[in-house]
Amino acid sequence: MELFERPVAQASGFSYEPGEHESEKASNSYLMSLIALMGGLPLPIINLIATFIFYMGNRNGTHFVRWHCTQALLSQFSLLFMNSFGFWWTVSIVFTDREITSDWIAYVITVILFNVTEFIATIYTAVQTRKGRHVSWWFYGELTDLLCPR
């Protein structure tokens, strides 16, 4: 994932510096998926559920908080599909007579790389957002702009 950091005043829809409370809530939207990862690692939906619950609790917050909750939710939603497909493919190999193929190996490597990249991006974004900086992810940031208008 490609990240880019924009000063809050120059970010689309953000003409103010977020307060301490806003920065903390926005940062927590990313940390929620990391905390859920520890509890529900083998089940891909746990991260999405935790992020969705946090999103629902903050959907009436300030634009800065809603925007970052939405971006975190979108990233977890796409991970759900990738991880679920890989999880069930692996289960079918383990519990049936399906064989490990080069397609499965390539998919698992891709999913692992995607998850590691998302994990690093999430930590980076949580830290920067906690400092009051706006971080927009490639693809998810522009989609979030569409879904979370001012």
C-alpha atoms as a PDB file:
ATOM      1  CA  MET A   1       0.000   0.000   0.000  1.00  0.00           C
ATOM      2  CA  GLU A   2       1.214   3.423  -0.781  1.00  0.00           C
ATOM      3  CA  LEU A   3       0.701   5.985   1.924  1.00  0.00           C
ATOM      4  CA  PHE A   4       0.940   9.691   1.726  1.00  0.00           C
ATOM      5  CA  GLU A   5       0.653  12.198   4.445  1.00  0.00           C
ATOM      6  CA  ARG A   6      -1.095  15.498   3.960  1.00  0.00           C
ATOM      7  CA  PRO A   7      -1.129  18.388   6.403  1.00  0.00           C
ATOM      8  CA  VAL A   8      -4.620  18.491   7.856  1.00  0.00           C
ATOM      9  CA  ALA A   9      -5.273  22.026   6.626  1.00  0.00           C
ATOM     10  CA  GLN A  10      -4.522  20.966   3.031  1.00  0.00           C
ATOM     11  CA  ALA A  11      -6.406  17.664   3.131  1.00  0.00           C
ATOM     12  CA  SER A  12      -9.711  17.551   1.339  1.00  0.00           C
ATOM     13  CA  GLY A  13     -12.424  18.553   3.780  1.00  0.00           C
ATOM     14  CA  PHE A  14     -10.063  19.267   6.692  1.00  0.00           C
ATOM     15  CA  SER A  15      -9.617  22.960   7.357  1.00  0.00           C
ATOM     16  CA  TYR A  16      -8.696  22.664  11.019  1.00  0.00           C
ATOM     17  CA  GLU A  17      -6.220  20.981  13.318  1.00  0.00           C
ATOM     18  CA  PRO A  18      -7.908  18.131  15.193  1.00  0.00           C
ATOM     19  CA  GLY A  19      -8.002  18.291  18.958  1.00  0.00           C
ATOM     20  CA  GLU A  20      -6.289  15.798  21.244  1.00  0.00           C
ATOM     21  CA  HIS A  21      -9.507  13.845  21.754  1.00  0.00           C
ATOM     22  CA  GLU A  22     -10.170  13.622  17.989  1.00  0.00           C
ATOM     23  CA  SER A  23      -6.630  12.472  17.246  1.00  0.00           C
ATOM     24  CA  GLU A  24      -6.879   9.764  19.881  1.00  0.00           C
ATOM     25  CA  LYS A  25     -10.198   8.435  18.572  1.00  0.00           C
ATOM     26  CA  ALA A  26      -8.985   8.486  14.956  1.00  0.00           C
ATOM     27  CA  SER A  27      -5.830   6.631  15.961  1.00  0.00           C
ATOM     28  CA  ASN A  28      -7.844   4.093  17.929  1.00  0.00           C
ATOM     29  CA  SER A  29      -9.838   3.224  14.814  1.00  0.00           C
ATOM     30  CA  TYR A  30      -6.661   1.702  13.364  1.00  0.00           C
ATOM     31  CA  LEU A  31      -5.534   0.145  16.638  1.00  0.00           C
ATOM     32  CA  MET A  32      -8.879  -1.642  16.965  1.00  0.00           C
ATOM     33  CA  SER A  33      -8.012  -3.979  14.092  1.00  0.00           C
ATOM     34  CA  LEU A  34      -4.595  -4.729  15.585  1.00  0.00           C
ATOM     35  CA  ILE A  35      -6.076  -5.585  18.966  1.00  0.00           C
ATOM     36  CA  ALA A  36      -8.686  -7.825  17.330  1.00  0.00           C
ATOM     37  CA  LEU A  37      -5.922  -9.500  15.334  1.00  0.00           C
ATOM     38  CA  MET A  38      -4.385 -10.784  18.551  1.00  0.00           C
ATOM     39  CA  GLY A  39      -7.671 -12.282  19.721  1.00  0.00           C
ATOM     40  CA  GLY A  40      -9.041 -13.724  16.518  1.00  0.00           C
ATOM     41  CA  LEU A  41      -6.076 -14.459  14.270  1.00  0.00           C
ATOM     42  CA  PRO A  42      -7.407 -17.580  12.566  1.00  0.00           C
ATOM     43  CA  LEU A  43     -10.850 -16.063  11.925  1.00  0.00           C
ATOM     44  CA  PRO A  44     -10.676 -13.254   9.363  1.00  0.00           C
ATOM     45  CA  ILE A  45     -14.016 -11.678  10.296  1.00  0.00           C
ATOM     46  CA  ILE A  46     -13.013 -10.791  13.891  1.00  0.00           C
ATOM     47  CA  ASN A  47     -10.948  -7.751  12.765  1.00  0.00           C
ATOM     48  CA  LEU A  48     -13.802  -6.482  10.602  1.00  0.00           C
ATOM     49  CA  ILE A  49     -16.356  -6.874  13.396  1.00  0.00           C
ATOM     50  CA  ALA A  50     -14.163  -5.023  15.910  1.00  0.00           C
ATOM     51  CA  THR A  51     -13.463  -2.194  13.455  1.00  0.00           C
ATOM     52  CA  PHE A  52     -17.167  -2.013  12.514  1.00  0.00           C
ATOM     53  CA  ILE A  53     -18.220  -1.745  16.178  1.00  0.00           C
ATOM     54  CA  PHE A  54     -15.723   1.081  16.697  1.00  0.00           C
ATOM     55  CA  TYR A  55     -16.967   2.759  13.502  1.00  0.00           C
ATOM     56  CA  MET A  56     -20.594   2.538  14.670  1.00  0.00           C
ATOM     57  CA  GLY A  57     -19.660   4.074  18.002  1.00  0.00           C
ATOM     58  CA  ASN A  58     -17.956   7.018  16.298  1.00  0.00           C
ATOM     59  CA  ARG A  59     -20.060   7.552  13.173  1.00  0.00           C
ATOM     60  CA  ASN A  60     -21.515  10.743  14.671  1.00  0.00           C
ATOM     61  CA  GLY A  61     -18.110  12.113  15.673  1.00  0.00           C
ATOM     62  CA  THR A  62     -16.179  14.872  13.984  1.00  0.00           C
ATOM     63  CA  HIS A  63     -15.323  14.578  10.313  1.00  0.00           C
ATOM     64  CA  PHE A  64     -11.677  13.743  11.120  1.00  0.00           C
ATOM     65  CA  VAL A  65     -12.704  10.825  13.345  1.00  0.00           C
ATOM     66  CA  ARG A  66     -15.406   9.546  10.955  1.00  0.00           C
ATOM     67  CA  TRP A  67     -13.023   9.769   7.995  1.00  0.00           C
ATOM     68  CA  HIS A  68     -10.334   7.674   9.681  1.00  0.00           C
ATOM     69  CA  CYS A  69     -12.861   5.176  11.067  1.00  0.00           C
ATOM     70  CA  THR A  70     -14.199   4.754   7.534  1.00  0.00           C
ATOM     71  CA  GLN A  71     -10.738   4.279   6.021  1.00  0.00           C
ATOM     72  CA  ALA A  72      -9.869   1.657   8.655  1.00  0.00           C
ATOM     73  CA  LEU A  73     -13.174  -0.142   8.026  1.00  0.00           C
ATOM     74  CA  LEU A  74     -12.651  -0.205   4.253  1.00  0.00           C
ATOM     75  CA  SER A  75      -9.179  -1.700   4.603  1.00  0.00           C
ATOM     76  CA  GLN A  76     -10.474  -4.410   6.941  1.00  0.00           C
ATOM     77  CA  PHE A  77     -13.358  -5.143   4.568  1.00  0.00           C
ATOM     78  CA  SER A  78     -11.012  -5.880   1.667  1.00  0.00           C
ATOM     79  CA  LEU A  79      -8.772  -7.983   3.918  1.00  0.00           C
ATOM     80  CA  LEU A  80     -11.810 -10.044   4.907  1.00  0.00           C
ATOM     81  CA  PHE A  81     -12.275 -11.286   1.353  1.00  0.00           C
ATOM     82  CA  MET A  82      -8.622 -12.063   0.747  1.00  0.00           C
ATOM     83  CA  ASN A  83      -8.107 -13.768   4.103  1.00  0.00           C
ATOM     84  CA  SER A  84     -11.387 -15.698   3.994  1.00  0.00           C
ATOM     85  CA  PHE A  85     -10.673 -17.127   0.582  1.00  0.00           C
ATOM     86  CA  GLY A  86      -7.165 -18.170   1.673  1.00  0.00           C
ATOM     87  CA  PHE A  87      -8.452 -19.571   4.965  1.00  0.00           C
ATOM     88  CA  TRP A  88     -11.122 -21.765   3.379  1.00  0.00           C
ATOM     89  CA  TRP A  89      -8.799 -22.868   0.568  1.00  0.00           C
ATOM     90  CA  THR A  90      -6.287 -23.958   3.202  1.00  0.00           C
ATOM     91  CA  VAL A  91      -9.003 -25.744   5.209  1.00  0.00           C
ATOM     92  CA  SER A  92     -10.058 -27.615   2.077  1.00  0.00           C
ATOM     93  CA  ILE A  93      -6.461 -28.750   1.518  1.00  0.00           C
ATOM     94  CA  VAL A  94      -6.031 -29.874   5.116  1.00  0.00           C
ATOM     95  CA  PHE A  95      -9.350 -31.721   5.495  1.00  0.00           C
ATOM     96  CA  THR A  96      -9.980 -33.090   1.989  1.00  0.00           C
ATOM     97  CA  ASP A  97      -7.970 -34.777  -0.710  1.00  0.00           C
ATOM     98  CA  ARG A  98      -7.079 -31.491  -2.446  1.00  0.00           C
ATOM     99  CA  GLU A  99      -3.393 -30.988  -3.050  1.00  0.00           C
ATOM    100  CA  ILE A 100      -1.101 -28.049  -2.497  1.00  0.00           C
ATOM    101  CA  THR A 101      -0.592 -26.365  -5.841  1.00  0.00           C
ATOM    102  CA  SER A 102       1.602 -23.554  -7.068  1.00  0.00           C
ATOM    103  CA  ASP A 103      -1.568 -21.418  -7.314  1.00  0.00           C
ATOM    104  CA  TRP A 104      -2.245 -21.944  -3.597  1.00  0.00           C
ATOM    105  CA  ILE A 105       1.375 -21.137  -2.687  1.00  0.00           C
ATOM    106  CA  ALA A 106       1.301 -17.969  -4.792  1.00  0.00           C
ATOM    107  CA  TYR A 107      -2.008 -16.912  -3.236  1.00  0.00           C
ATOM    108  CA  VAL A 108      -0.804 -17.541   0.317  1.00  0.00           C
ATOM    109  CA  ILE A 109       2.386 -15.552  -0.325  1.00  0.00           C
ATOM    110  CA  THR A 110       0.321 -12.700  -1.775  1.00  0.00           C
ATOM    111  CA  VAL A 111      -2.065 -12.715   1.179  1.00  0.00           C
ATOM    112  CA  ILE A 112       0.818 -12.761   3.666  1.00  0.00           C
ATOM    113  CA  LEU A 113       2.536  -9.835   1.910  1.00  0.00           C
ATOM    114  CA  PHE A 114      -0.728  -7.901   1.754  1.00  0.00           C
ATOM    115  CA  ASN A 115      -1.402  -8.521   5.460  1.00  0.00           C
ATOM    116  CA  VAL A 116       2.126  -7.542   6.515  1.00  0.00           C
ATOM    117  CA  THR A 117       1.919  -4.370   4.434  1.00  0.00           C
ATOM    118  CA  GLU A 118      -1.482  -3.534   5.892  1.00  0.00           C
ATOM    119  CA  PHE A 119      -0.189  -4.230   9.415  1.00  0.00           C
ATOM    120  CA  ILE A 120       2.776  -1.862   8.967  1.00  0.00           C
ATOM    121  CA  ALA A 121       0.584   0.775   7.320  1.00  0.00           C
ATOM    122  CA  THR A 122      -1.924   0.508  10.158  1.00  0.00           C
ATOM    123  CA  ILE A 123       0.732   1.050  12.828  1.00  0.00           C
ATOM    124  CA  TYR A 124       2.232   3.975  10.898  1.00  0.00           C
ATOM    125  CA  THR A 125      -1.182   5.550  10.349  1.00  0.00           C
ATOM    126  CA  ALA A 126      -2.229   5.083  13.971  1.00  0.00           C
ATOM    127  CA  VAL A 127       0.933   6.855  15.162  1.00  0.00           C
ATOM    128  CA  GLN A 128       0.652   9.707  12.650  1.00  0.00           C
ATOM    129  CA  THR A 129      -3.070  10.164  13.218  1.00  0.00           C
ATOM    130  CA  ARG A 130      -2.467  10.272  16.969  1.00  0.00           C
ATOM    131  CA  LYS A 131      -0.137  13.209  16.278  1.00  0.00           C
ATOM    132  CA  GLY A 132      -3.012  14.957  14.500  1.00  0.00           C
ATOM    133  CA  ARG A 133      -1.706  14.320  10.994  1.00  0.00           C
ATOM    134  CA  HIS A 134      -3.986  13.165   8.218  1.00  0.00           C
ATOM    135  CA  VAL A 135      -2.788  10.011   6.448  1.00  0.00           C
ATOM    136  CA  SER A 136      -4.609   8.902   3.344  1.00  0.00           C
ATOM    137  CA  TRP A 137      -3.957   5.430   1.947  1.00  0.00           C
ATOM    138  CA  TRP A 138      -3.738   4.761  -1.748  1.00  0.00           C
ATOM    139  CA  PHE A 139      -7.144   3.600  -3.049  1.00  0.00           C
ATOM    140  CA  TYR A 140      -8.810   3.602   0.384  1.00  0.00           C
ATOM    141  CA  GLY A 141      -8.240   7.316   0.936  1.00  0.00           C
ATOM    142  CA  GLU A 142      -9.988   8.368  -2.243  1.00  0.00           C
ATOM    143  CA  LEU A 143     -12.798   5.895  -1.650  1.00  0.00           C
ATOM    144  CA  THR A 144     -13.163   7.259   1.899  1.00  0.00           C
ATOM    145  CA  ASP A 145     -13.381  10.801   0.487  1.00  0.00           C
ATOM    146  CA  LEU A 146     -16.364   9.629  -1.590  1.00  0.00           C
ATOM    147  CA  LEU A 147     -18.056   7.769   1.262  1.00  0.00           C
ATOM    148  CA  CYS A 148     -17.431  10.321   4.006  1.00  0.00           C
ATOM    149  CA  PRO A 149     -18.202  13.766   2.581  1.00  0.00           C
ATOM    150  CA  ARG A 150     -17.871  16.836   4.771  1.00  0.00           C
END
